[in-house]
PDB file of N, CA and C in Angstrom:
ATOM      1  N   MET A   1      44.946 -10.814 201.837  1.00  0.00           N
ATOM      2  CA  MET A   1      46.292 -11.447 201.863  1.00  0.00           C
ATOM      3  C   MET A   1      46.471 -11.968 203.584  1.00  0.00           C
ATOM      4  N   ALA A   2      46.613 -10.949 204.399  1.00  0.00           N
ATOM      5  CA  ALA A   2      46.084 -10.998 205.551  1.00  0.00           C
ATOM      6  C   ALA A   2      47.801 -10.379 206.013  1.00  0.00           C
ATOM      7  N   MET A   3      48.326 -11.204 207.143  1.00  0.00           N
ATOM      8  CA  MET A   3      49.318 -10.993 207.718  1.00  0.00           C
ATOM      9  C   MET A   3      50.455 -12.053 207.714  1.00  0.00           C
ATOM     10  N   THR A   4      51.819 -11.764 206.902  1.00  0.00           N
ATOM     11  CA  THR A   4      52.994 -12.551 206.223  1.00  0.00           C
ATOM     12  C   THR A   4      53.580 -12.451 207.335  1.00  0.00           C
ATOM     13  N   ARG A   5      54.418 -13.533 207.673  1.00  0.00           N
ATOM     14  CA  ARG A   5      55.818 -13.386 208.288  1.00  0.00           C
ATOM     15  C   ARG A   5      56.555 -14.050 207.890  1.00  0.00           C
ATOM     16  N   VAL A   6      57.835 -13.266 208.206  1.00  0.00           N
ATOM     17  CA  VAL A   6      58.967 -13.124 207.549  1.00  0.00           C
ATOM     18  C   VAL A   6      59.856 -13.243 208.371  1.00  0.00           C
ATOM     19  N   LEU A   7      60.896 -14.457 208.342  1.00  0.00           N
ATOM     20  CA  LEU A   7      62.139 -14.150 209.295  1.00  0.00           C
ATOM     21  C   LEU A   7      63.900 -14.089 208.591  1.00  0.00           C
ATOM     22  N   MET A   8      64.081 -12.257 209.156  1.00  0.00           N
ATOM     23  CA  MET A   8      65.243 -12.132 208.781  1.00  0.00           C
ATOM     24  C   MET A   8      66.262 -12.075 209.688  1.00  0.00           C
ATOM     25  N   LYS A   9      67.465 -12.727 208.846  1.00  0.00           N
ATOM     26  CA  LYS A   9      68.745 -13.766 209.479  1.00  0.00           C
ATOM     27  C   LYS A   9      69.645 -12.655 209.642  1.00  0.00           C
ATOM     28  N   THR A  10      70.056 -12.068 210.323  1.00  0.00           N
ATOM     29  CA  THR A  10      70.580 -11.273 210.487  1.00  0.00           C
ATOM     30  C   THR A  10      72.457 -11.369 211.279  1.00  0.00           C
ATOM     31  N   LEU A  11      73.524 -10.970 211.443  1.00  0.00           N
ATOM     32  CA  LEU A  11      74.572 -11.879 212.146  1.00  0.00           C
ATOM     33  C   LEU A  11      74.723 -11.348 213.733  1.00  0.00           C
ATOM     34  N   PHE A  12      73.321 -10.859 214.158  1.00  0.00           N
ATOM     35  CA  PHE A  12      73.367 -10.646 215.278  1.00  0.00           C
ATOM     36  C   PHE A  12      71.880 -11.173 216.041  1.00  0.00           C
ATOM     37  N   GLY A  13      71.356 -12.249 215.078  1.00  0.00           N
ATOM     38  CA  GLY A  13      70.283 -12.866 215.499  1.00  0.00           C
ATOM     39  C   GLY A  13      69.215 -12.927 214.829  1.00  0.00           C
ATOM     40  N   ASP A  14      68.271 -13.671 214.705  1.00  0.00           N
ATOM     41  CA  ASP A  14      66.774 -13.573 213.498  1.00  0.00           C
ATOM     42  C   ASP A  14      65.820 -12.511 214.402  1.00  0.00           C
ATOM     43  N   ILE A  15      65.492 -12.080 213.121  1.00  0.00           N
ATOM     44  CA  ILE A  15      63.986 -10.964 213.820  1.00  0.00           C
ATOM     45  C   ILE A  15      62.942 -11.170 212.571  1.00  0.00           C
ATOM     46  N   THR A  16      62.476 -12.002 213.114  1.00  0.00           N
ATOM     47  CA  THR A  16      60.586 -12.021 212.647  1.00  0.00           C
ATOM     48  C   THR A  16      59.652 -10.928 212.257  1.00  0.00           C
ATOM     49  N   LEU A  17      59.355 -10.519 211.510  1.00  0.00           N
ATOM     50  CA  LEU A  17      58.668  -9.243 210.671  1.00  0.00           C
ATOM     51  C   LEU A  17      56.972  -9.572 210.196  1.00  0.00           C
ATOM     52  N   GLU A  18      56.214  -9.236 210.942  1.00  0.00           N
ATOM     53  CA  GLU A  18      55.094  -9.399 210.671  1.00  0.00           C
ATOM     54  C   GLU A  18      54.426  -8.088 209.672  1.00  0.00           C
ATOM     55  N   LEU A  19      54.078  -8.790 208.454  1.00  0.00           N
ATOM     56  CA  LEU A  19      53.433  -7.531 207.457  1.00  0.00           C
ATOM     57  C   LEU A  19      52.040  -7.857 207.549  1.00  0.00           C
ATOM     58  N   ASP A  20      51.214  -6.547 206.998  1.00  0.00           N
ATOM     59  CA  ASP A  20      49.693  -6.674 207.569  1.00  0.00           C
ATOM     60  C   ASP A  20      49.608  -6.305 205.667  1.00  0.00           C
ATOM     61  N   GLY A  21      49.204  -7.499 204.949  1.00  0.00           N
ATOM     62  CA  GLY A  21      48.649  -7.200 203.752  1.00  0.00           C
ATOM     63  C   GLY A  21      47.226  -6.986 203.815  1.00  0.00           C
ATOM     64  N   ASP A  22      46.519  -6.656 204.390  1.00  0.00           N
ATOM     65  CA  ASP A  22      45.281  -6.336 204.648  1.00  0.00           C
ATOM     66  C   ASP A  22      45.283  -4.751 203.906  1.00  0.00           C
ATOM     67  N   LYS A  23      45.846  -4.073 205.517  1.00  0.00           N
ATOM     68  CA  LYS A  23      46.511  -2.903 205.364  1.00  0.00           C
ATOM     69  C   LYS A  23      47.221  -2.383 204.169  1.00  0.00           C
ATOM     70  N   ALA A  24      48.105  -3.131 203.726  1.00  0.00           N
ATOM     71  CA  ALA A  24      49.152  -2.347 203.120  1.00  0.00           C
ATOM     72  C   ALA A  24      49.604  -3.179 201.883  1.00  0.00           C
ATOM     73  N   PRO A  25      48.482  -4.096 201.088  1.00  0.00           N
ATOM     74  CA  PRO A  25      48.567  -4.984 200.336  1.00  0.00           C
ATOM     75  C   PRO A  25      49.974  -4.890 199.162  1.00  0.00           C
ATOM     76  N   ALA A  26      50.145  -3.377 198.811  1.00  0.00           N
ATOM     77  CA  ALA A  26      51.062  -3.323 197.629  1.00  0.00           C
ATOM     78  C   ALA A  26      52.352  -3.118 198.427  1.00  0.00           C
ATOM     79  N   THR A  27      52.681  -2.041 199.571  1.00  0.00           N
ATOM     80  CA  THR A  27      53.695  -3.007 200.034  1.00  0.00           C
ATOM     81  C   THR A  27      54.289  -3.880 200.528  1.00  0.00           C
ATOM     82  N   VAL A  28      53.676  -4.430 201.026  1.00  0.00           N
ATOM     83  CA  VAL A  28      54.151  -6.073 201.584  1.00  0.00           C
ATOM     84  C   VAL A  28      54.012  -6.817 200.423  1.00  0.00           C
ATOM     85  N   ALA A  29      53.955  -6.929 199.076  1.00  0.00           N
ATOM     86  CA  ALA A  29      54.285  -7.360 197.271  1.00  0.00           C
ATOM     87  C   ALA A  29      54.776  -7.080 197.544  1.00  0.00           C
ATOM     88  N   ASN A  30      55.654  -5.955 197.577  1.00  0.00           N
ATOM     89  CA  ASN A  30      57.041  -4.832 196.990  1.00  0.00           C
ATOM     90  C   ASN A  30      57.938  -5.486 198.265  1.00  0.00           C
ATOM     91  N   PHE A  31      57.931  -5.409 199.580  1.00  0.00           N
ATOM     92  CA  PHE A  31      58.957  -5.862 200.220  1.00  0.00           C
ATOM     93  C   PHE A  31      59.165  -7.553 199.657  1.00  0.00           C
ATOM     94  N   ILE A  32      58.255  -8.350 199.553  1.00  0.00           N
ATOM     95  CA  ILE A  32      58.466  -9.362 198.825  1.00  0.00           C
ATOM     96  C   ILE A  32      59.300 -10.252 197.745  1.00  0.00           C
ATOM     97  N   VAL A  33      58.678  -8.848 196.874  1.00  0.00           N
ATOM     98  CA  VAL A  33      59.470  -9.115 195.798  1.00  0.00           C
ATOM     99  C   VAL A  33      61.310  -8.807 195.959  1.00  0.00           C
ATOM    100  N   TYR A  34      61.105  -8.140 196.690  1.00  0.00           N
ATOM    101  CA  TYR A  34      62.877  -7.220 197.553  1.00  0.00           C
ATOM    102  C   TYR A  34      63.418  -8.651 197.829  1.00  0.00           C
ATOM    103  N   ALA A  35      62.794  -8.994 198.900  1.00  0.00           N
ATOM    104  CA  ALA A  35      62.980 -10.274 200.012  1.00  0.00           C
ATOM    105  C   ALA A  35      63.666 -11.575 199.183  1.00  0.00           C
ATOM    106  N   GLN A  36      62.609 -12.047 198.065  1.00  0.00           N
ATOM    107  CA  GLN A  36      63.004 -13.068 197.320  1.00  0.00           C
ATOM    108  C   GLN A  36      63.919 -13.224 196.307  1.00  0.00           C
ATOM    109  N   SER A  37      63.721 -11.637 195.827  1.00  0.00           N
ATOM    110  CA  SER A  37      65.184 -11.787 194.719  1.00  0.00           C
ATOM    111  C   SER A  37      66.260 -11.617 195.146  1.00  0.00           C
ATOM    112  N   GLY A  38      66.478 -11.487 196.746  1.00  0.00           N
ATOM    113  CA  GLY A  38      68.003 -11.665 197.549  1.00  0.00           C
ATOM    114  C   GLY A  38      68.726  -9.990 197.240  1.00  0.00           C
ATOM    115  N   TYR A  39      67.487  -8.946 196.978  1.00  0.00           N
ATOM    116  CA  TYR A  39      68.269  -7.623 196.889  1.00  0.00           C
ATOM    117  C   TYR A  39      68.507  -7.334 198.306  1.00  0.00           C
ATOM    118  N   TYR A  40      68.096  -7.558 199.547  1.00  0.00           N
ATOM    119  CA  TYR A  40      68.652  -7.467 200.633  1.00  0.00           C
ATOM    120  C   TYR A  40      69.770  -8.200 201.698  1.00  0.00           C
ATOM    121  N   ASP A  41      70.344  -9.134 200.636  1.00  0.00           N
ATOM    122  CA  ASP A  41      71.497  -9.982 201.067  1.00  0.00           C
ATOM    123  C   ASP A  41      72.921  -8.957 200.552  1.00  0.00           C
ATOM    124  N   GLY A  42      73.267  -9.303 202.293  1.00  0.00           N
ATOM    125  CA  GLY A  42      74.570  -8.170 202.195  1.00  0.00           C
ATOM    126  C   GLY A  42      74.432  -6.983 202.600  1.00  0.00           C
ATOM    127  N   THR A  43      72.981  -6.193 202.841  1.00  0.00           N
ATOM    128  CA  THR A  43      73.086  -5.112 203.092  1.00  0.00           C
ATOM    129  C   THR A  43      73.116  -5.220 204.546  1.00  0.00           C
ATOM    130  N   ILE A  44      73.489  -3.802 204.815  1.00  0.00           N
ATOM    131  CA  ILE A  44      73.575  -3.320 206.049  1.00  0.00           C
ATOM    132  C   ILE A  44      72.394  -2.838 207.084  1.00  0.00           C
ATOM    133  N   PHE A  45      72.339  -2.367 208.468  1.00  0.00           N
ATOM    134  CA  PHE A  45      71.100  -1.701 209.339  1.00  0.00           C
ATOM    135  C   PHE A  45      72.415  -0.283 208.776  1.00  0.00           C
ATOM    136  N   GLN A  46      71.278   1.180 207.831  1.00  0.00           N
ATOM    137  CA  GLN A  46      72.520   1.823 208.205  1.00  0.00           C
ATOM    138  C   GLN A  46      71.867   3.256 209.191  1.00  0.00           C
ATOM    139  N   ARG A  47      70.383   2.808 210.233  1.00  0.00           N
ATOM    140  CA  ARG A  47      70.280   3.248 211.319  1.00  0.00           C
ATOM    141  C   ARG A  47      69.611   2.607 212.320  1.00  0.00           C
ATOM    142  N   VAL A  48      70.602   2.910 213.737  1.00  0.00           N
ATOM    143  CA  VAL A  48      70.033   2.125 214.832  1.00  0.00           C
ATOM    144  C   VAL A  48      69.227   2.884 215.893  1.00  0.00           C
ATOM    145  N   ASN A  49      68.329   3.164 216.229  1.00  0.00           N
ATOM    146  CA  ASN A  49      67.577   3.826 217.353  1.00  0.00           C
ATOM    147  C   ASN A  49      67.321   2.662 218.300  1.00  0.00           C
ATOM    148  N   ILE A  50      68.556   2.357 219.468  1.00  0.00           N
ATOM    149  CA  ILE A  50      67.865   1.661 220.363  1.00  0.00           C
ATOM    150  C   ILE A  50      66.334   1.538 220.986  1.00  0.00           C
ATOM    151  N   ASN A  51      65.457   0.673 221.019  1.00  0.00           N
ATOM    152  CA  ASN A  51      64.417   0.558 221.481  1.00  0.00           C
ATOM    153  C   ASN A  51      63.165   1.280 220.683  1.00  0.00           C
ATOM    154  N   PHE A  52      63.587   1.843 219.225  1.00  0.00           N
ATOM    155  CA  PHE A  52      62.712   2.344 218.309  1.00  0.00           C
ATOM    156  C   PHE A  52      62.484   1.768 216.967  1.00  0.00           C
ATOM    157  N   ARG A  53      63.764   1.897 216.690  1.00  0.00           N
ATOM    158  CA  ARG A  53      63.613   1.224 215.110  1.00  0.00           C
ATOM    159  C   ARG A  53      65.186   0.701 214.363  1.00  0.00           C
ATOM    160  N   ILE A  54      65.213  -0.009 213.386  1.00  0.00           N
ATOM    161  CA  ILE A  54      66.685   0.165 212.638  1.00  0.00           C
ATOM    162  C   ILE A  54      66.119  -0.039 211.814  1.00  0.00           C
ATOM    163  N   GLN A  55      66.634   0.816 210.803  1.00  0.00           N
ATOM    164  CA  GLN A  55      66.897   0.698 208.883  1.00  0.00           C
ATOM    165  C   GLN A  55      67.577  -0.059 208.610  1.00  0.00           C
ATOM    166  N   GLY A  56      67.226  -0.359 207.369  1.00  0.00           N
ATOM    167  CA  GLY A  56      68.257  -1.096 206.427  1.00  0.00           C
ATOM    168  C   GLY A  56      67.901  -1.510 205.212  1.00  0.00           C
ATOM    169  N   GLY A  57      68.957  -1.840 204.583  1.00  0.00           N
ATOM    170  CA  GLY A  57      68.055  -2.552 203.060  1.00  0.00           C
ATOM    171  C   GLY A  57      68.727  -1.829 201.514  1.00  0.00           C
ATOM    172  N   GLY A  58      69.296  -0.764 202.237  1.00  0.00           N
ATOM    173  CA  GLY A  58      69.373   0.496 200.690  1.00  0.00           C
ATOM    174  C   GLY A  58      70.660   0.739 200.669  1.00  0.00           C
ATOM    175  N   TYR A  59      71.686  -0.059 201.943  1.00  0.00           N
ATOM    176  CA  TYR A  59      73.258   0.095 201.358  1.00  0.00           C
ATOM    177  C   TYR A  59      73.540  -1.185 201.818  1.00  0.00           C
ATOM    178  N   ASP A  60      74.787  -1.126 200.542  1.00  0.00           N
ATOM    179  CA  ASP A  60      76.227  -2.309 201.063  1.00  0.00           C
ATOM    180  C   ASP A  60      77.241  -2.247 202.216  1.00  0.00           C
ATOM    181  N   THR A  61      77.707  -3.189 202.312  1.00  0.00           N
ATOM    182  CA  THR A  61      78.803  -3.120 203.150  1.00  0.00           C
ATOM    183  C   THR A  61      79.995  -1.612 202.858  1.00  0.00           C
ATOM    184  N   ASP A  62      79.921  -0.885 201.774  1.00  0.00           N
ATOM    185  CA  ASP A  62      80.754  -0.496 201.642  1.00  0.00           C
ATOM    186  C   ASP A  62      80.042   1.145 201.374  1.00  0.00           C
ATOM    187  N   MET A  63      78.776   1.296 202.253  1.00  0.00           N
ATOM    188  CA  MET A  63      77.813   2.386 201.808  1.00  0.00           C
ATOM    189  C   MET A  63      77.916   2.814 201.235  1.00  0.00           C
ATOM    190  N   GLN A  64      77.507   1.972 200.291  1.00  0.00           N
ATOM    191  CA  GLN A  64      77.213   2.229 198.487  1.00  0.00           C
ATOM    192  C   GLN A  64      75.463   2.186 198.467  1.00  0.00           C
ATOM    193  N   GLN A  65      75.048   2.728 198.173  1.00  0.00           N
ATOM    194  CA  GLN A  65      73.145   2.961 197.759  1.00  0.00           C
ATOM    195  C   GLN A  65      73.154   1.812 196.803  1.00  0.00           C
ATOM    196  N   LYS A  66      72.162   0.994 196.599  1.00  0.00           N
ATOM    197  CA  LYS A  66      71.565   0.056 195.703  1.00  0.00           C
ATOM    198  C   LYS A  66      70.863   0.707 195.079  1.00  0.00           C
ATOM    199  N   PRO A  67      70.657   0.081 193.375  1.00  0.00           N
ATOM    200  CA  PRO A  67      69.060   0.431 192.797  1.00  0.00           C
ATOM    201  C   PRO A  67      68.502  -0.051 193.263  1.00  0.00           C
ATOM    202  N   THR A  68      67.839   0.778 193.310  1.00  0.00           N
ATOM    203  CA  THR A  68      65.898   0.181 193.683  1.00  0.00           C
ATOM    204  C   THR A  68      64.775   0.149 192.088  1.00  0.00           C
ATOM    205  N   ASN A  69      63.747  -0.560 192.511  1.00  0.00           N
ATOM    206  CA  ASN A  69      62.544  -0.604 191.767  1.00  0.00           C
ATOM    207  C   ASN A  69      62.149   0.719 191.866  1.00  0.00           C
ATOM    208  N   ALA A  70      60.863   0.906 190.741  1.00  0.00           N
ATOM    209  CA  ALA A  70      60.054   2.247 190.622  1.00  0.00           C
ATOM    210  C   ALA A  70      59.141   2.062 192.500  1.00  0.00           C
ATOM    211  N   PRO A  71      59.000   3.257 192.822  1.00  0.00           N
ATOM    212  CA  PRO A  71      58.587   3.437 193.731  1.00  0.00           C
ATOM    213  C   PRO A  71      57.303   2.820 193.621  1.00  0.00           C
ATOM    214  N   ASN A  72      56.381   2.561 194.924  1.00  0.00           N
ATOM    215  CA  ASN A  72      55.049   2.235 194.677  1.00  0.00           C
ATOM    216  C   ASN A  72      54.493   2.992 195.532  1.00  0.00           C
ATOM    217  N   GLN A  73      52.764   3.445 195.337  1.00  0.00           N
ATOM    218  CA  GLN A  73      52.057   4.205 196.164  1.00  0.00           C
ATOM    219  C   GLN A  73      52.014   4.137 197.707  1.00  0.00           C
ATOM    220  N   ASN A  74      52.220   5.298 198.113  1.00  0.00           N
ATOM    221  CA  ASN A  74      52.196   5.072 199.251  1.00  0.00           C
ATOM    222  C   ASN A  74      50.423   4.576 199.863  1.00  0.00           C
ATOM    223  N   GLU A  75      50.649   4.225 200.765  1.00  0.00           N
ATOM    224  CA  GLU A  75      49.588   3.266 201.209  1.00  0.00           C
ATOM    225  C   GLU A  75      49.260   3.839 202.248  1.00  0.00           C
ATOM    226  N   ALA A  76      49.528   4.799 202.967  1.00  0.00           N
ATOM    227  CA  ALA A  76      49.201   5.406 204.286  1.00  0.00           C
ATOM    228  C   ALA A  76      48.052   5.940 204.758  1.00  0.00           C
ATOM    229  N   LYS A  77      47.221   6.016 205.353  1.00  0.00           N
ATOM    230  CA  LYS A  77      45.725   6.786 205.270  1.00  0.00           C
ATOM    231  C   LYS A  77      45.993   7.802 206.917  1.00  0.00           C
ATOM    232  N   ILE A  78      46.194   8.514 205.887  1.00  0.00           N
ATOM    233  CA  ILE A  78      46.734  10.312 206.912  1.00  0.00           C
ATOM    234  C   ILE A  78      45.393  10.438 207.138  1.00  0.00           C
TER     235      ILE A  78
END
């Protein structure tokens, strides 16, 4: 699967994501399914830490949690 690039369009500008399908193939495939289905459309970033991370996609603009698909297995090698 290798690297997959995804363009995320936000109200504050575009963000290019690089997803490593070699290290986390199920996680990348899961994200692509959500993205292609339009799941993230109209969601918000509920956590923003400057110069560290942004987290979003789980809540709509009314801060209502969106239903999700079944979780996939954690692929982290700790």
